[in-house]
C-alpha atoms as a PDB file:
ATOM      1  CA  MET A   1       7.950 -17.379 -13.615  1.00  0.00           C
ATOM      2  CA  ARG A   2       6.880 -20.973 -13.240  1.00  0.00           C
ATOM      3  CA  GLN A   3       7.374 -23.172 -16.281  1.00  0.00           C
ATOM      4  CA  ASP A   4       4.968 -26.100 -16.630  1.00  0.00           C
ATOM      5  CA  GLU A   5       5.642 -28.953 -19.019  1.00  0.00           C
ATOM      6  CA  PRO A   6       3.246 -31.755 -20.074  1.00  0.00           C
ATOM      7  CA  ASP A   7       4.394 -35.248 -19.191  1.00  0.00           C
ATOM      8  CA  GLU A   8       3.895 -38.432 -21.215  1.00  0.00           C
ATOM      9  CA  CYS A   9       0.349 -38.839 -19.897  1.00  0.00           C
ATOM     10  CA  GLY A  10      -0.591 -35.357 -21.005  1.00  0.00           C
ATOM     11  CA  SER A  11      -0.813 -33.888 -17.497  1.00  0.00           C
ATOM     12  CA  VAL A  12       1.200 -30.889 -16.412  1.00  0.00           C
ATOM     13  CA  ARG A  13       4.189 -31.272 -14.163  1.00  0.00           C
ATOM     14  CA  GLU A  14       5.779 -28.305 -12.457  1.00  0.00           C
ATOM     15  CA  SER A  15       9.482 -27.804 -13.109  1.00  0.00           C
ATOM     16  CA  SER A  16      10.236 -24.429 -11.547  1.00  0.00           C
ATOM     17  CA  PRO A  17      13.125 -24.018  -9.068  1.00  0.00           C
ATOM     18  CA  GLU A  18      10.562 -23.091  -6.383  1.00  0.00           C
ATOM     19  CA  TYR A  19       8.697 -26.371  -6.912  1.00  0.00           C
ATOM     20  CA  ILE A  20      11.921 -28.376  -6.785  1.00  0.00           C
ATOM     21  CA  TYR A  21      12.857 -26.580  -3.551  1.00  0.00           C
ATOM     22  CA  LYS A  22       9.488 -27.489  -2.029  1.00  0.00           C
ATOM     23  CA  ILE A  23      10.067 -31.154  -2.848  1.00  0.00           C
ATOM     24  CA  TYR A  24      13.554 -31.024  -1.407  1.00  0.00           C
ATOM     25  CA  THR A  25      12.379 -29.434   1.852  1.00  0.00           C
ATOM     26  CA  HIS A  26       9.106 -31.320   2.313  1.00  0.00           C
ATOM     27  CA  THR A  27      10.568 -33.147   5.340  1.00  0.00           C
ATOM     28  CA  LEU A  28      11.265 -29.852   7.114  1.00  0.00           C
ATOM     29  CA  TYR A  29       8.385 -29.261   9.477  1.00  0.00           C
ATOM     30  CA  THR A  30       7.820 -28.202  13.047  1.00  0.00           C
ATOM     31  CA  TYR A  31       7.332 -30.804  15.739  1.00  0.00           C
ATOM     32  CA  ILE A  32       6.176 -28.520  18.582  1.00  0.00           C
ATOM     33  CA  TYR A  33       2.465 -27.744  18.761  1.00  0.00           C
ATOM     34  CA  THR A  34       0.961 -27.656  22.251  1.00  0.00           C
ATOM     35  CA  PHE A  35      -1.656 -25.555  23.949  1.00  0.00           C
ATOM     36  CA  ARG A  36       0.867 -23.130  25.425  1.00  0.00           C
ATOM     37  CA  TYR A  37       3.660 -23.230  22.843  1.00  0.00           C
ATOM     38  CA  ILE A  38       3.004 -23.036  19.123  1.00  0.00           C
ATOM     39  CA  TYR A  39       5.887 -23.092  16.663  1.00  0.00           C
ATOM     40  CA  ILE A  40       5.426 -23.407  12.922  1.00  0.00           C
ATOM     41  CA  ILE A  41       7.730 -23.277   9.935  1.00  0.00           C
ATOM     42  CA  VAL A  42       6.497 -21.208   7.002  1.00  0.00           C
ATOM     43  CA  LYS A  43       8.015 -21.902   3.601  1.00  0.00           C
ATOM     44  CA  PHE A  44       7.462 -19.724   0.540  1.00  0.00           C
ATOM     45  CA  ALA A  45       9.621 -20.306  -2.546  1.00  0.00           C
ATOM     46  CA  ASP A  46      13.154 -20.393  -1.109  1.00  0.00           C
ATOM     47  CA  ASP A  47      12.359 -18.343   2.044  1.00  0.00           C
ATOM     48  CA  THR A  48      11.875 -20.082   5.384  1.00  0.00           C
ATOM     49  CA  VAL A  49      10.487 -18.475   8.535  1.00  0.00           C
ATOM     50  CA  VAL A  50      10.178 -19.879  12.048  1.00  0.00           C
ATOM     51  CA  VAL A  51       7.222 -18.384  13.931  1.00  0.00           C
ATOM     52  CA  GLY A  52       6.934 -19.064  17.644  1.00  0.00           C
ATOM     53  CA  LEU A  53       4.799 -18.064  20.606  1.00  0.00           C
ATOM     54  CA  ILE A  54       6.734 -17.502  23.833  1.00  0.00           C
ATOM     55  CA  SER A  55       4.668 -17.676  27.034  1.00  0.00           C
ATOM     56  CA  ASP A  56       5.791 -16.869  30.571  1.00  0.00           C
ATOM     57  CA  ASN A  57       9.319 -16.068  29.336  1.00  0.00           C
ATOM     58  CA  GLU A  58       9.835 -19.745  28.495  1.00  0.00           C
ATOM     59  CA  GLU A  59      12.217 -19.696  25.531  1.00  0.00           C
ATOM     60  CA  ARG A  60      13.529 -23.251  25.688  1.00  0.00           C
ATOM     61  CA  ALA A  61      11.105 -24.708  23.143  1.00  0.00           C
ATOM     62  CA  TYR A  62      11.706 -21.744  20.807  1.00  0.00           C
ATOM     63  CA  LEU A  63      15.477 -22.179  20.878  1.00  0.00           C
ATOM     64  CA  GLU A  64      15.112 -25.942  20.412  1.00  0.00           C
ATOM     65  CA  GLU A  65      13.015 -25.369  17.299  1.00  0.00           C
ATOM     66  CA  ILE A  66      15.729 -23.159  15.792  1.00  0.00           C
ATOM     67  CA  LYS A  67      18.313 -25.809  16.677  1.00  0.00           C
ATOM     68  CA  HIS A  68      16.113 -28.374  14.939  1.00  0.00           C
ATOM     69  CA  LEU A  69      16.129 -26.199  11.797  1.00  0.00           C
ATOM     70  CA  GLU A  70      19.909 -25.811  11.952  1.00  0.00           C
ATOM     71  CA  ASN A  71      20.446 -29.576  12.352  1.00  0.00           C
ATOM     72  CA  TRP A  72      18.062 -30.343   9.498  1.00  0.00           C
ATOM     73  CA  CYS A  73      19.978 -28.022   7.174  1.00  0.00           C
ATOM     74  CA  GLN A  74      23.283 -29.636   8.098  1.00  0.00           C
ATOM     75  CA  GLU A  75      21.915 -33.124   7.517  1.00  0.00           C
ATOM     76  CA  ASN A  76      20.541 -32.116   4.105  1.00  0.00           C
ATOM     77  CA  ASN A  77      23.650 -30.226   2.918  1.00  0.00           C
ATOM     78  CA  LEU A  78      22.032 -26.791   3.111  1.00  0.00           C
ATOM     79  CA  LEU A  79      23.940 -23.788   4.414  1.00  0.00           C
ATOM     80  CA  LEU A  80      22.110 -21.169   6.456  1.00  0.00           C
ATOM     81  CA  ASN A  81      23.242 -17.650   5.579  1.00  0.00           C
ATOM     82  CA  VAL A  82      23.416 -16.161   9.071  1.00  0.00           C
ATOM     83  CA  SER A  83      24.218 -12.686   7.718  1.00  0.00           C
ATOM     84  CA  LYS A  84      20.809 -12.623   5.978  1.00  0.00           C
ATOM     85  CA  THR A  85      18.978 -14.229   8.886  1.00  0.00           C
ATOM     86  CA  LYS A  86      17.133 -11.816  11.192  1.00  0.00           C
ATOM     87  CA  GLU A  87      15.174 -12.169  14.413  1.00  0.00           C
ATOM     88  CA  LEU A  88      12.113 -10.023  15.086  1.00  0.00           C
ATOM     89  CA  ILE A  89      10.395 -10.079  18.489  1.00  0.00           C
ATOM     90  CA  VAL A  90       6.818  -8.799  18.610  1.00  0.00           C
ATOM     91  CA  ASP A  91       5.875  -7.867  22.166  1.00  0.00           C
ATOM     92  CA  CYS A  92       2.844  -5.617  22.624  1.00  0.00           C
ATOM     93  CA  SER A  93       2.765  -6.042  26.389  1.00  0.00           C
ATOM     94  CA  LYS A  94       2.634  -2.853  28.424  1.00  0.00           C
ATOM     95  CA  LYS A  95       4.534  -4.465  31.264  1.00  0.00           C
ATOM     96  CA  GLN A  96       8.232  -3.938  31.915  1.00  0.00           C
ATOM     97  CA  GLU A  97      10.596  -4.688  29.075  1.00  0.00           C
ATOM     98  CA  ARG A  98      11.609  -8.323  28.831  1.00  0.00           C
ATOM     99  CA  HIS A  99      15.040  -9.624  27.949  1.00  0.00           C
ATOM    100  CA  TYR A 100      15.339 -12.560  25.561  1.00  0.00           C
ATOM    101  CA  GLN A 101      18.309 -14.783  24.914  1.00  0.00           C
ATOM    102  CA  PRO A 102      20.124 -14.131  21.638  1.00  0.00           C
ATOM    103  CA  VAL A 103      19.723 -16.705  18.894  1.00  0.00           C
ATOM    104  CA  ARG A 104      22.944 -18.331  17.729  1.00  0.00           C
ATOM    105  CA  ILE A 105      23.423 -20.354  14.542  1.00  0.00           C
ATOM    106  CA  SER A 106      26.726 -22.123  13.940  1.00  0.00           C
ATOM    107  CA  GLY A 107      28.269 -20.051  16.739  1.00  0.00           C
ATOM    108  CA  THR A 108      27.186 -16.726  15.193  1.00  0.00           C
ATOM    109  CA  THR A 109      24.631 -14.469  16.852  1.00  0.00           C
ATOM    110  CA  VAL A 110      21.601 -13.662  14.678  1.00  0.00           C
ATOM    111  CA  GLU A 111      20.926  -9.944  14.318  1.00  0.00           C
ATOM    112  CA  ARG A 112      17.796  -8.753  16.124  1.00  0.00           C
ATOM    113  CA  VAL A 113      15.900  -6.050  14.212  1.00  0.00           C
ATOM    114  CA  ASP A 114      12.998  -3.699  14.975  1.00  0.00           C
ATOM    115  CA  ILE A 115      11.410  -4.039  11.532  1.00  0.00           C
ATOM    116  CA  PHE A 116      11.632  -6.677   8.830  1.00  0.00           C
ATOM    117  CA  ARG A 117      10.330  -6.855   5.278  1.00  0.00           C
ATOM    118  CA  TYR A 118       8.798 -10.229   4.522  1.00  0.00           C
ATOM    119  CA  LEU A 119       6.999 -11.005   1.241  1.00  0.00           C
ATOM    120  CA  GLY A 120       6.589  -7.300   0.552  1.00  0.00           C
ATOM    121  CA  VAL A 121       5.196  -6.403   3.986  1.00  0.00           C
ATOM    122  CA  HIS A 122       7.157  -4.344   6.522  1.00  0.00           C
ATOM    123  CA  ILE A 123       6.497  -5.964   9.909  1.00  0.00           C
ATOM    124  CA  SER A 124       7.543  -3.937  12.961  1.00  0.00           C
ATOM    125  CA  GLN A 125       8.046  -5.133  16.520  1.00  0.00           C
ATOM    126  CA  ASP A 126       5.037  -3.133  17.760  1.00  0.00           C
ATOM    127  CA  LEU A 127       2.864  -4.162  14.778  1.00  0.00           C
ATOM    128  CA  SER A 128       2.413  -0.579  13.626  1.00  0.00           C
ATOM    129  CA  TRP A 129       2.030  -0.184   9.875  1.00  0.00           C
ATOM    130  CA  SER A 130       3.163   3.392   9.210  1.00  0.00           C
ATOM    131  CA  ARG A 131       6.472   2.273   7.724  1.00  0.00           C
ATOM    132  CA  HIS A 132       4.672  -0.140   5.411  1.00  0.00           C
ATOM    133  CA  THR A 133       1.967   2.297   4.285  1.00  0.00           C
ATOM    134  CA  ASN A 134       4.551   5.049   3.683  1.00  0.00           C
ATOM    135  CA  SER A 135       6.478   2.656   1.468  1.00  0.00           C
ATOM    136  CA  LEU A 136       3.326   1.763  -0.472  1.00  0.00           C
ATOM    137  CA  ALA A 137       2.295   5.402  -0.929  1.00  0.00           C
ATOM    138  CA  LYS A 138       5.742   6.389  -2.175  1.00  0.00           C
ATOM    139  CA  LYS A 139       5.895   3.543  -4.668  1.00  0.00           C
ATOM    140  CA  ALA A 140       2.350   4.158  -5.900  1.00  0.00           C
ATOM    141  CA  ARG A 141       2.936   7.898  -6.384  1.00  0.00           C
ATOM    142  CA  GLN A 142       5.896   7.090  -8.608  1.00  0.00           C
ATOM    143  CA  ARG A 143       3.588   5.034 -10.842  1.00  0.00           C
ATOM    144  CA  LEU A 144       1.215   7.992 -11.181  1.00  0.00           C
ATOM    145  CA  TYR A 145       3.798   9.625 -13.453  1.00  0.00           C
ATOM    146  CA  HIS A 146       3.345   6.843 -16.019  1.00  0.00           C
ATOM    147  CA  LEU A 147      -0.433   7.163 -15.710  1.00  0.00           C
ATOM    148  CA  ARG A 148      -0.201  10.872 -16.489  1.00  0.00           C
ATOM    149  CA  ARG A 149       1.966  10.185 -19.505  1.00  0.00           C
ATOM    150  CA  LEU A 150      -0.601   7.767 -20.868  1.00  0.00           C
ATOM    151  CA  ARG A 151      -3.299  10.377 -20.315  1.00  0.00           C
ATOM    152  CA  ASP A 152      -1.245  12.907 -22.278  1.00  0.00           C
ATOM    153  CA  PHE A 153      -1.255  10.439 -25.178  1.00  0.00           C
ATOM    154  CA  ARG A 154      -5.081  10.637 -24.998  1.00  0.00           C
ATOM    155  CA  LEU A 155      -5.663   6.986 -24.340  1.00  0.00           C
ATOM    156  CA  PRO A 156      -9.257   5.971 -23.496  1.00  0.00           C
ATOM    157  CA  SER A 157     -10.334   6.089 -19.855  1.00  0.00           C
ATOM    158  CA  LYS A 158     -10.873   2.322 -19.899  1.00  0.00           C
ATOM    159  CA  VAL A 159      -7.223   1.761 -20.787  1.00  0.00           C
ATOM    160  CA  LEU A 160      -6.087   4.206 -18.108  1.00  0.00           C
ATOM    161  CA  ARG A 161      -8.239   2.460 -15.529  1.00  0.00           C
ATOM    162  CA  ASN A 162      -6.826  -0.937 -16.483  1.00  0.00           C
ATOM    163  CA  PHE A 163      -3.317   0.453 -16.139  1.00  0.00           C
ATOM    164  CA  TYR A 164      -4.201   1.858 -12.709  1.00  0.00           C
ATOM    165  CA  THR A 165      -5.641  -1.468 -11.561  1.00  0.00           C
ATOM    166  CA  CYS A 166      -2.620  -3.464 -12.688  1.00  0.00           C
ATOM    167  CA  THR A 167       0.227  -1.170 -11.645  1.00  0.00           C
ATOM    168  CA  ILE A 168      -1.043   1.109  -8.848  1.00  0.00           C
ATOM    169  CA  GLU A 169      -4.009  -0.508  -7.128  1.00  0.00           C
ATOM    170  CA  SER A 170      -2.107  -3.799  -6.979  1.00  0.00           C
ATOM    171  CA  ILE A 171       0.571  -2.016  -4.925  1.00  0.00           C
ATOM    172  CA  LEU A 172      -1.849  -0.254  -2.595  1.00  0.00           C
ATOM    173  CA  THR A 173      -3.811  -3.435  -1.869  1.00  0.00           C
ATOM    174  CA  GLY A 174      -1.014  -6.006  -1.632  1.00  0.00           C
ATOM    175  CA  ASN A 175      -1.702  -8.219   1.432  1.00  0.00           C
ATOM    176  CA  ILE A 176      -4.294  -5.655   2.476  1.00  0.00           C
ATOM    177  CA  THR A 177      -6.102  -8.077   4.792  1.00  0.00           C
ATOM    178  CA  VAL A 178      -2.964  -8.230   6.952  1.00  0.00           C
ATOM    179  CA  TRP A 179      -2.317  -4.573   7.678  1.00  0.00           C
ATOM    180  CA  PHE A 180      -5.254  -2.361   6.678  1.00  0.00           C
ATOM    181  CA  GLY A 181      -7.441  -3.126   9.701  1.00  0.00           C
ATOM    182  CA  ASN A 182      -4.798  -1.929  12.177  1.00  0.00           C
ATOM    183  CA  SER A 183      -3.463   0.981  10.140  1.00  0.00           C
ATOM    184  CA  THR A 184      -4.014   4.493  11.453  1.00  0.00           C
ATOM    185  CA  LYS A 185      -6.451   7.026  10.034  1.00  0.00           C
ATOM    186  CA  GLN A 186      -3.550   9.163   8.806  1.00  0.00           C
ATOM    187  CA  ASP A 187      -1.972   6.210   6.995  1.00  0.00           C
ATOM    188  CA  ARG A 188      -5.243   5.340   5.271  1.00  0.00           C
ATOM    189  CA  GLN A 189      -5.767   8.929   4.208  1.00  0.00           C
ATOM    190  CA  ALA A 190      -2.281   9.054   2.692  1.00  0.00           C
ATOM    191  CA  LEU A 191      -3.055   5.972   0.604  1.00  0.00           C
ATOM    192  CA  GLN A 192      -6.507   7.225  -0.351  1.00  0.00           C
ATOM    193  CA  ARG A 193      -4.993  10.468  -1.651  1.00  0.00           C
ATOM    194  CA  VAL A 194      -3.159   8.398  -4.228  1.00  0.00           C
ATOM    195  CA  VAL A 195      -6.486   6.898  -5.315  1.00  0.00           C
ATOM    196  CA  ARG A 196      -8.070  10.356  -5.608  1.00  0.00           C
ATOM    197  CA  SER A 197      -5.132  11.558  -7.714  1.00  0.00           C
ATOM    198  CA  ALA A 198      -5.634   8.598 -10.027  1.00  0.00           C
ATOM    199  CA  GLU A 199      -9.343   9.448 -10.304  1.00  0.00           C
ATOM    200  CA  CYS A 200      -8.472  12.958 -11.453  1.00  0.00           C
ATOM    201  CA  ILE A 201      -6.096  11.581 -14.058  1.00  0.00           C
ATOM    202  CA  THR A 202      -8.382   8.868 -15.430  1.00  0.00           C
ATOM    203  CA  HIS A 203     -11.642  10.852 -15.023  1.00  0.00           C
ATOM    204  CA  THR A 204     -13.289   7.708 -13.664  1.00  0.00           C
ATOM    205  CA  GLU A 205     -14.538   6.643 -10.258  1.00  0.00           C
ATOM    206  CA  LEU A 206     -12.199   4.148  -8.601  1.00  0.00           C
ATOM    207  CA  PRO A 207     -12.961   1.809  -5.674  1.00  0.00           C
ATOM    208  CA  ASP A 208     -11.777   3.101  -2.318  1.00  0.00           C
ATOM    209  CA  LEU A 209      -9.410   1.011  -0.221  1.00  0.00           C
ATOM    210  CA  GLN A 210     -11.953   0.396   2.554  1.00  0.00           C
ATOM    211  CA  THR A 211     -14.306  -1.289   0.067  1.00  0.00           C
ATOM    212  CA  ILE A 212     -11.513  -3.420  -1.370  1.00  0.00           C
ATOM    213  CA  TYR A 213     -10.434  -4.452   2.122  1.00  0.00           C
ATOM    214  CA  TYR A 214     -13.985  -5.415   3.047  1.00  0.00           C
ATOM    215  CA  LYS A 215     -14.463  -7.553  -0.082  1.00  0.00           C
ATOM    216  CA  ARG A 216     -11.127  -9.311   0.290  1.00  0.00           C
ATOM    217  CA  CYS A 217     -11.860 -10.119   3.927  1.00  0.00           C
ATOM    218  CA  GLN A 218     -15.085 -11.753   2.758  1.00  0.00           C
ATOM    219  CA  THR A 219     -13.333 -13.696   0.003  1.00  0.00           C
ATOM    220  CA  LYS A 220     -10.526 -14.907   2.263  1.00  0.00           C
ATOM    221  CA  ALA A 221     -12.953 -15.834   5.029  1.00  0.00           C
ATOM    222  CA  ARG A 222     -15.122 -17.898   2.671  1.00  0.00           C
ATOM    223  CA  LYS A 223     -12.058 -19.853   1.548  1.00  0.00           C
ATOM    224  CA  ILE A 224     -11.126 -20.611   5.161  1.00  0.00           C
ATOM    225  CA  VAL A 225     -14.680 -21.720   5.979  1.00  0.00           C
ATOM    226  CA  LYS A 226     -14.698 -24.121   3.010  1.00  0.00           C
ATOM    227  CA  ASP A 227     -11.301 -25.583   3.945  1.00  0.00           C
ATOM    228  CA  PRO A 228     -11.598 -27.806   7.060  1.00  0.00           C
ATOM    229  CA  THR A 229      -7.820 -28.377   6.994  1.00  0.00           C
ATOM    230  CA  HIS A 230      -7.074 -24.681   7.474  1.00  0.00           C
ATOM    231  CA  PRO A 231      -5.530 -24.148  10.950  1.00  0.00           C
ATOM    232  CA  ASN A 232      -7.957 -21.299  11.682  1.00  0.00           C
ATOM    233  CA  ASN A 233     -11.089 -22.928  10.308  1.00  0.00           C
ATOM    234  CA  ARG A 234     -12.331 -23.505  13.882  1.00  0.00           C
ATOM    235  CA  LEU A 235     -12.575 -19.743  14.456  1.00  0.00           C
ATOM    236  CA  PHE A 236     -15.533 -19.614  12.070  1.00  0.00           C
ATOM    237  CA  SER A 237     -18.303 -21.361  14.005  1.00  0.00           C
ATOM    238  CA  LEU A 238     -21.974 -20.928  13.141  1.00  0.00           C
ATOM    239  CA  LEU A 239     -24.580 -19.939  15.677  1.00  0.00           C
ATOM    240  CA  ARG A 240     -27.558 -22.219  16.323  1.00  0.00           C
ATOM    241  CA  SER A 241     -29.502 -20.447  13.609  1.00  0.00           C
ATOM    242  CA  GLY A 242     -26.925 -21.643  11.085  1.00  0.00           C
ATOM    243  CA  ARG A 243     -27.032 -18.276   9.326  1.00  0.00           C
ATOM    244  CA  ARG A 244     -24.503 -16.154  11.176  1.00  0.00           C
ATOM    245  CA  PHE A 245     -21.042 -16.819  12.549  1.00  0.00           C
ATOM    246  CA  ARG A 246     -20.157 -16.436  16.191  1.00  0.00           C
ATOM    247  CA  SER A 247     -18.290 -13.185  16.868  1.00  0.00           C
ATOM    248  CA  LEU A 248     -14.886 -13.444  18.488  1.00  0.00           C
ATOM    249  CA  LYS A 249     -14.397 -11.993  21.939  1.00  0.00           C
ATOM    250  CA  THR A 250     -11.757  -9.275  21.861  1.00  0.00           C
ATOM    251  CA  LYS A 251     -10.207  -7.460  24.814  1.00  0.00           C
ATOM    252  CA  THR A 252      -8.039  -5.018  22.871  1.00  0.00           C
ATOM    253  CA  GLU A 253      -8.685  -2.658  19.994  1.00  0.00           C
ATOM    254  CA  ARG A 254      -5.732  -4.175  18.145  1.00  0.00           C
ATOM    255  CA  LEU A 255      -7.363  -7.609  18.131  1.00  0.00           C
ATOM    256  CA  LYS A 256     -10.804  -6.195  17.358  1.00  0.00           C
ATOM    257  CA  THR A 257      -9.564  -4.549  14.156  1.00  0.00           C
ATOM    258  CA  SER A 258      -7.413  -7.503  13.062  1.00  0.00           C
ATOM    259  CA  PHE A 259      -8.349  -9.868  10.245  1.00  0.00           C
ATOM    260  CA  PHE A 260     -10.396 -12.622  11.899  1.00  0.00           C
ATOM    261  CA  PRO A 261     -12.891 -10.449  13.835  1.00  0.00           C
ATOM    262  CA  GLN A 262     -13.239  -8.225  10.767  1.00  0.00           C
ATOM    263  CA  ALA A 263     -13.673 -11.224   8.461  1.00  0.00           C
ATOM    264  CA  ILE A 264     -16.430 -12.698  10.637  1.00  0.00           C
ATOM    265  CA  ARG A 265     -18.147  -9.312  10.729  1.00  0.00           C
ATOM    266  CA  ALA A 266     -17.919  -9.061   6.942  1.00  0.00           C
ATOM    267  CA  LEU A 267     -19.396 -12.547   6.490  1.00  0.00           C
ATOM    268  CA  ASN A 268     -22.307 -11.776   8.817  1.00  0.00           C
ATOM    269  CA  GLN A 269     -23.058  -8.513   7.031  1.00  0.00           C
ATOM    270  CA  GLY A 270     -22.938 -10.266   3.672  1.00  0.00           C
ATOM    271  CA  ASN A 271     -25.428 -12.949   4.728  1.00  0.00           C
END
């Protein structure tokens, strides 16, 4: 938990380890950003991720970016834990399987995995979300036991609903704008069954996941539109009427059901 302390001027200064880490690593940034090759460094608390786009099997820039990260750590007295470092390649192409060079840090080959859990989300190499939704459903069902126990103590429905919102719904909807759009019908039904079970326990009507997803897409999209510095702000362009946003052209069903096309659709329906 972050601890904030007032300074001599009465303002609040952040003193958490995460904030100190951000100050220490503020000089770590990517230097490759071209039309064909995009490489960014994502930092959250003390986790660092290198995200790169490889086009035409050209891996040189990608490997150079990792080398840049390794050199920066050495210059700033930070040790990369190679045993905890993983490489995940997402390749949805239907063409023949491609072979990529292994990543090496300090002479040690980085393990390449098929699925990786990052900030609570299980990301697979084919961007399927069954593993993630199964994990959410299992964890949420375990919390239903505590909800039933509270019901047995005859607590008011309002209290039961608050408990559901804080401890069960928060699990089912974590980062929902990332994965829900591309999840399968079976995965959504498995999650919705947990919601229906909670409704039977609390004897109240609870919001379904589709509605929550729709509202959060709207909320996130409005924040991006209001922030001109957001890297994806340019995707939200108004039509000449100034009332509706221009829909994104999508060639695949995967892209059509992803966040940005869905967010634009939600904004247009809300206007």
